[in-house]
Amino acid sequence: MTTTLKCAFCSGTGKDPFDLLSQFAHCLVCNGTGQVETEEPMKKCVFCSGTGRNPLGARISCIVCGGKGFNHCSCETKCTQCKGTGKSSDGLPCTRCSGKGLS
């Protein structure tokens, strides 16, 4: 089952939040619709804290959730490697849980 949510990357505006190409460019995550679909069950992305933006400082979408702000995950157990943060010691996505924080 899929759920439609407001695009986290552009905050539902449908516009590129960083005006990288132009002030009129569409959001690359939602293709200008302001909405994204994700499969249930879903959890808020712990890697980007649900913002949909790459926490490593680049002006691109989150590499774990693809900019949606949520991940499809049926797991309930915190990842033992990253302790549920979704990040490895170098700040990249955890290799055990793929940055979801759950395994």
N, C-alpha and C. Protein backbone atom coordinates (compact mmCIF):
# COMPACT_ATOMS: atom_id res chain seq x y z
N MET A 1 0.84 -1.18 0.00
CA MET A 1 0.00 0.00 0.00
C MET A 1 0.89 1.25 0.00
N THR A 2 0.54 2.22 -0.82
CA THR A 2 1.32 3.45 -0.88
C THR A 2 0.54 4.61 -0.27
N THR A 3 1.28 5.56 0.23
CA THR A 3 0.71 6.76 0.83
C THR A 3 1.30 7.98 0.14
N THR A 4 0.48 8.98 -0.10
CA THR A 4 0.95 10.24 -0.69
C THR A 4 1.22 11.24 0.42
N LEU A 5 2.41 11.82 0.38
CA LEU A 5 2.86 12.78 1.40
C LEU A 5 3.36 14.06 0.75
N LYS A 6 3.44 15.11 1.53
CA LYS A 6 4.04 16.35 1.07
C LYS A 6 5.53 16.11 0.87
N CYS A 7 6.08 16.58 -0.23
CA CYS A 7 7.50 16.42 -0.51
C CYS A 7 8.31 17.15 0.55
N ALA A 8 9.20 16.42 1.22
CA ALA A 8 10.02 17.01 2.27
C ALA A 8 11.12 17.90 1.68
N PHE A 9 11.65 17.52 0.54
CA PHE A 9 12.78 18.26 -0.05
C PHE A 9 12.40 19.70 -0.39
N CYS A 10 11.23 19.89 -1.01
CA CYS A 10 10.81 21.25 -1.40
C CYS A 10 9.73 21.81 -0.49
N SER A 11 9.40 21.09 0.59
CA SER A 11 8.35 21.48 1.53
C SER A 11 6.99 21.63 0.84
N GLY A 12 6.80 20.84 -0.21
CA GLY A 12 5.51 20.83 -0.90
C GLY A 12 5.29 21.95 -1.89
N THR A 13 6.32 22.75 -2.17
CA THR A 13 6.16 23.87 -3.10
C THR A 13 6.26 23.43 -4.56
N GLY A 14 6.93 22.31 -4.81
CA GLY A 14 7.14 21.85 -6.17
C GLY A 14 8.28 22.55 -6.88
N LYS A 15 8.95 23.46 -6.20
CA LYS A 15 10.07 24.23 -6.78
C LYS A 15 11.40 23.74 -6.21
N ASP A 16 12.46 23.90 -6.98
CA ASP A 16 13.80 23.58 -6.52
C ASP A 16 14.11 24.48 -5.33
N PRO A 17 14.31 23.92 -4.14
CA PRO A 17 14.51 24.76 -2.95
C PRO A 17 15.80 25.58 -2.96
N PHE A 18 16.73 25.23 -3.82
CA PHE A 18 18.01 25.94 -3.85
C PHE A 18 18.18 26.80 -5.10
N ASP A 19 17.18 26.82 -5.98
CA ASP A 19 17.26 27.58 -7.24
C ASP A 19 18.56 27.29 -7.99
N LEU A 20 18.98 26.03 -8.00
CA LEU A 20 20.24 25.69 -8.64
C LEU A 20 20.22 25.91 -10.14
N LEU A 21 19.15 25.48 -10.80
CA LEU A 21 19.09 25.66 -12.25
C LEU A 21 18.49 27.02 -12.62
N SER A 22 17.40 27.36 -11.96
CA SER A 22 16.78 28.67 -12.12
C SER A 22 15.71 28.81 -11.05
N GLN A 23 15.19 30.00 -10.88
CA GLN A 23 14.15 30.19 -9.88
C GLN A 23 12.84 29.53 -10.29
N PHE A 24 12.74 29.10 -11.54
CA PHE A 24 11.53 28.48 -12.04
C PHE A 24 11.63 26.95 -12.13
N ALA A 25 12.77 26.38 -11.76
CA ALA A 25 13.00 24.95 -11.88
C ALA A 25 12.11 24.15 -10.93
N HIS A 26 11.67 23.01 -11.41
CA HIS A 26 10.85 22.10 -10.60
C HIS A 26 11.73 21.33 -9.62
N CYS A 27 11.12 20.91 -8.54
CA CYS A 27 11.79 20.05 -7.57
C CYS A 27 12.10 18.72 -8.25
N LEU A 28 13.32 18.24 -8.09
CA LEU A 28 13.73 16.99 -8.71
C LEU A 28 13.17 15.77 -8.00
N VAL A 29 12.73 15.91 -6.77
CA VAL A 29 12.20 14.78 -6.03
C VAL A 29 10.74 14.52 -6.41
N CYS A 30 9.92 15.55 -6.40
CA CYS A 30 8.49 15.39 -6.68
C CYS A 30 8.10 15.78 -8.10
N ASN A 31 9.09 16.21 -8.89
CA ASN A 31 8.86 16.64 -10.27
C ASN A 31 7.84 17.77 -10.38
N GLY A 32 7.83 18.63 -9.38
CA GLY A 32 6.98 19.81 -9.41
C GLY A 32 5.58 19.64 -8.86
N THR A 33 5.22 18.44 -8.41
CA THR A 33 3.86 18.21 -7.90
C THR A 33 3.69 18.60 -6.44
N GLY A 34 4.78 18.64 -5.68
CA GLY A 34 4.70 18.94 -4.26
C GLY A 34 4.36 17.74 -3.41
N GLN A 35 4.17 16.58 -4.06
CA GLN A 35 3.80 15.36 -3.34
C GLN A 35 4.66 14.19 -3.80
N VAL A 36 4.88 13.27 -2.87
CA VAL A 36 5.62 12.04 -3.17
C VAL A 36 4.83 10.85 -2.63
N GLU A 37 5.12 9.69 -3.17
CA GLU A 37 4.49 8.47 -2.68
C GLU A 37 5.54 7.60 -2.03
N THR A 38 5.14 6.93 -0.97
CA THR A 38 6.02 5.99 -0.29
C THR A 38 5.20 4.80 0.16
N GLU A 39 5.87 3.67 0.27
CA GLU A 39 5.19 2.45 0.68
C GLU A 39 5.07 2.38 2.20
N GLU A 40 3.98 1.81 2.64
CA GLU A 40 3.80 1.57 4.08
C GLU A 40 4.26 0.15 4.38
N PRO A 41 4.73 -0.12 5.58
CA PRO A 41 4.93 0.81 6.69
C PRO A 41 6.13 1.72 6.42
N MET A 42 6.03 2.92 6.95
CA MET A 42 7.09 3.89 6.73
C MET A 42 7.51 4.52 8.05
N LYS A 43 8.74 4.96 8.05
CA LYS A 43 9.31 5.64 9.21
C LYS A 43 9.98 6.92 8.74
N LYS A 44 9.95 7.94 9.59
CA LYS A 44 10.65 9.19 9.29
C LYS A 44 12.13 8.87 9.10
N CYS A 45 12.74 9.46 8.10
CA CYS A 45 14.15 9.21 7.81
C CYS A 45 15.01 9.79 8.94
N VAL A 46 15.78 8.92 9.59
CA VAL A 46 16.64 9.39 10.68
C VAL A 46 17.92 10.02 10.15
N PHE A 47 18.33 9.64 8.93
CA PHE A 47 19.58 10.18 8.38
C PHE A 47 19.46 11.68 8.13
N CYS A 48 18.33 12.13 7.57
CA CYS A 48 18.15 13.57 7.29
C CYS A 48 17.16 14.22 8.26
N SER A 49 16.72 13.49 9.26
CA SER A 49 15.73 13.96 10.24
C SER A 49 14.41 14.36 9.59
N GLY A 50 14.11 13.73 8.46
CA GLY A 50 12.84 13.98 7.78
C GLY A 50 12.80 15.23 6.91
N THR A 51 13.95 15.90 6.73
CA THR A 51 13.98 17.12 5.92
C THR A 51 14.05 16.83 4.43
N GLY A 52 14.50 15.63 4.06
CA GLY A 52 14.67 15.28 2.67
C GLY A 52 15.94 15.83 2.05
N ARG A 53 16.71 16.56 2.84
CA ARG A 53 17.94 17.19 2.34
C ARG A 53 19.16 16.45 2.87
N ASN A 54 20.18 16.41 2.06
CA ASN A 54 21.40 15.72 2.42
C ASN A 54 22.04 16.40 3.63
N PRO A 55 22.20 15.68 4.75
CA PRO A 55 22.78 16.30 5.95
C PRO A 55 24.28 16.54 5.86
N LEU A 56 24.90 16.10 4.78
CA LEU A 56 26.35 16.27 4.65
C LEU A 56 26.72 17.64 4.10
N GLY A 57 25.72 18.50 3.90
CA GLY A 57 25.99 19.87 3.49
C GLY A 57 25.79 20.14 2.01
N ALA A 58 25.68 19.11 1.21
CA ALA A 58 25.46 19.32 -0.22
C ALA A 58 24.02 19.75 -0.46
N ARG A 59 23.80 20.52 -1.50
CA ARG A 59 22.45 21.00 -1.81
C ARG A 59 21.74 20.00 -2.72
N ILE A 60 21.66 18.76 -2.25
CA ILE A 60 20.99 17.70 -2.97
C ILE A 60 20.06 16.95 -2.02
N SER A 61 19.26 16.07 -2.57
CA SER A 61 18.33 15.31 -1.74
C SER A 61 19.07 14.27 -0.90
N CYS A 62 18.42 13.85 0.16
CA CYS A 62 18.98 12.85 1.06
C CYS A 62 19.28 11.56 0.31
N ILE A 63 20.44 11.00 0.55
CA ILE A 63 20.85 9.79 -0.14
C ILE A 63 20.20 8.53 0.43
N VAL A 64 19.51 8.65 1.54
CA VAL A 64 18.84 7.49 2.13
C VAL A 64 17.37 7.44 1.73
N CYS A 65 16.65 8.54 1.88
CA CYS A 65 15.21 8.55 1.57
C CYS A 65 14.90 9.10 0.19
N GLY A 66 15.91 9.57 -0.52
CA GLY A 66 15.69 10.13 -1.85
C GLY A 66 14.98 11.47 -1.84
N GLY A 67 14.94 12.12 -0.67
CA GLY A 67 14.31 13.43 -0.55
C GLY A 67 12.88 13.38 -0.06
N LYS A 68 12.33 12.20 0.13
CA LYS A 68 10.94 12.06 0.55
C LYS A 68 10.73 12.39 2.03
N GLY A 69 11.75 12.18 2.84
CA GLY A 69 11.63 12.43 4.28
C GLY A 69 11.19 11.20 5.06
N PHE A 70 10.78 10.17 4.36
CA PHE A 70 10.33 8.92 4.97
C PHE A 70 10.94 7.75 4.23
N ASN A 71 11.14 6.64 4.93
CA ASN A 71 11.63 5.40 4.35
C ASN A 71 10.64 4.29 4.58
N HIS A 72 10.54 3.40 3.60
CA HIS A 72 9.74 2.18 3.78
C HIS A 72 10.55 1.25 4.68
N CYS A 73 10.00 0.88 5.81
CA CYS A 73 10.72 0.00 6.73
C CYS A 73 9.73 -0.69 7.65
N SER A 74 9.77 -2.00 7.65
CA SER A 74 8.89 -2.76 8.53
C SER A 74 9.61 -3.21 9.80
N CYS A 75 10.86 -2.81 9.95
CA CYS A 75 11.65 -3.18 11.13
C CYS A 75 11.28 -2.30 12.32
N GLU A 76 11.45 -2.84 13.50
CA GLU A 76 11.18 -2.09 14.73
C GLU A 76 12.39 -2.03 15.65
N THR A 77 13.42 -2.79 15.34
CA THR A 77 14.59 -2.90 16.20
C THR A 77 15.67 -1.91 15.78
N LYS A 78 16.19 -1.15 16.75
CA LYS A 78 17.28 -0.22 16.45
C LYS A 78 18.48 -0.99 15.94
N CYS A 79 19.14 -0.40 14.97
CA CYS A 79 20.35 -1.00 14.41
C CYS A 79 21.42 -1.05 15.50
N THR A 80 22.06 -2.20 15.64
CA THR A 80 23.08 -2.36 16.67
C THR A 80 24.39 -1.67 16.31
N GLN A 81 24.61 -1.44 15.03
CA GLN A 81 25.86 -0.83 14.60
C GLN A 81 25.86 0.69 14.79
N CYS A 82 24.77 1.36 14.38
CA CYS A 82 24.72 2.84 14.48
C CYS A 82 23.89 3.32 15.67
N LYS A 83 23.32 2.40 16.42
CA LYS A 83 22.48 2.71 17.59
C LYS A 83 21.23 3.53 17.22
N GLY A 84 20.76 3.33 15.97
CA GLY A 84 19.53 4.00 15.54
C GLY A 84 19.71 5.37 14.93
N THR A 85 20.96 5.84 14.78
CA THR A 85 21.19 7.17 14.21
C THR A 85 21.17 7.15 12.68
N GLY A 86 21.40 6.00 12.09
CA GLY A 86 21.47 5.89 10.64
C GLY A 86 22.82 6.30 10.07
N LYS A 87 23.73 6.75 10.94
CA LYS A 87 25.02 7.26 10.48
C LYS A 87 26.17 6.42 11.02
N SER A 88 27.18 6.24 10.18
CA SER A 88 28.39 5.58 10.63
C SER A 88 29.30 6.62 11.27
N SER A 89 30.43 6.20 11.75
CA SER A 89 31.33 7.12 12.46
C SER A 89 31.86 8.24 11.56
N ASP A 90 31.87 8.03 10.24
CA ASP A 90 32.34 9.06 9.32
C ASP A 90 31.22 9.97 8.81
N GLY A 91 29.98 9.78 9.33
CA GLY A 91 28.85 10.62 8.96
C GLY A 91 28.08 10.13 7.75
N LEU A 92 28.57 9.11 7.08
CA LEU A 92 27.88 8.52 5.94
C LEU A 92 26.80 7.56 6.44
N PRO A 93 25.90 7.10 5.56
CA PRO A 93 24.87 6.16 6.00
C PRO A 93 25.49 4.87 6.54
N CYS A 94 24.92 4.37 7.60
CA CYS A 94 25.35 3.12 8.22
C CYS A 94 25.27 1.99 7.19
N THR A 95 26.30 1.17 7.15
CA THR A 95 26.32 0.08 6.17
C THR A 95 25.43 -1.09 6.57
N ARG A 96 25.15 -1.25 7.83
CA ARG A 96 24.31 -2.37 8.27
C ARG A 96 22.83 -2.10 7.97
N CYS A 97 22.33 -0.90 8.26
CA CYS A 97 20.90 -0.61 8.09
C CYS A 97 20.62 0.28 6.88
N SER A 98 21.64 0.60 6.11
CA SER A 98 21.53 1.48 4.94
C SER A 98 21.05 2.87 5.30
N GLY A 99 21.33 3.31 6.52
CA GLY A 99 20.98 4.65 6.96
C GLY A 99 19.60 4.80 7.54
N LYS A 100 18.85 3.71 7.65
CA LYS A 100 17.47 3.78 8.16
C LYS A 100 17.40 3.77 9.68
N GLY A 101 18.46 3.33 10.34
CA GLY A 101 18.49 3.31 11.80
C GLY A 101 17.81 2.10 12.41
N LEU A 102 17.17 1.31 11.59
CA LEU A 102 16.47 0.11 12.06
C LEU A 102 16.94 -1.11 11.28
N SER A 103 16.96 -2.23 11.96
CA SER A 103 17.35 -3.47 11.27
C SER A 103 16.53 -4.64 11.74
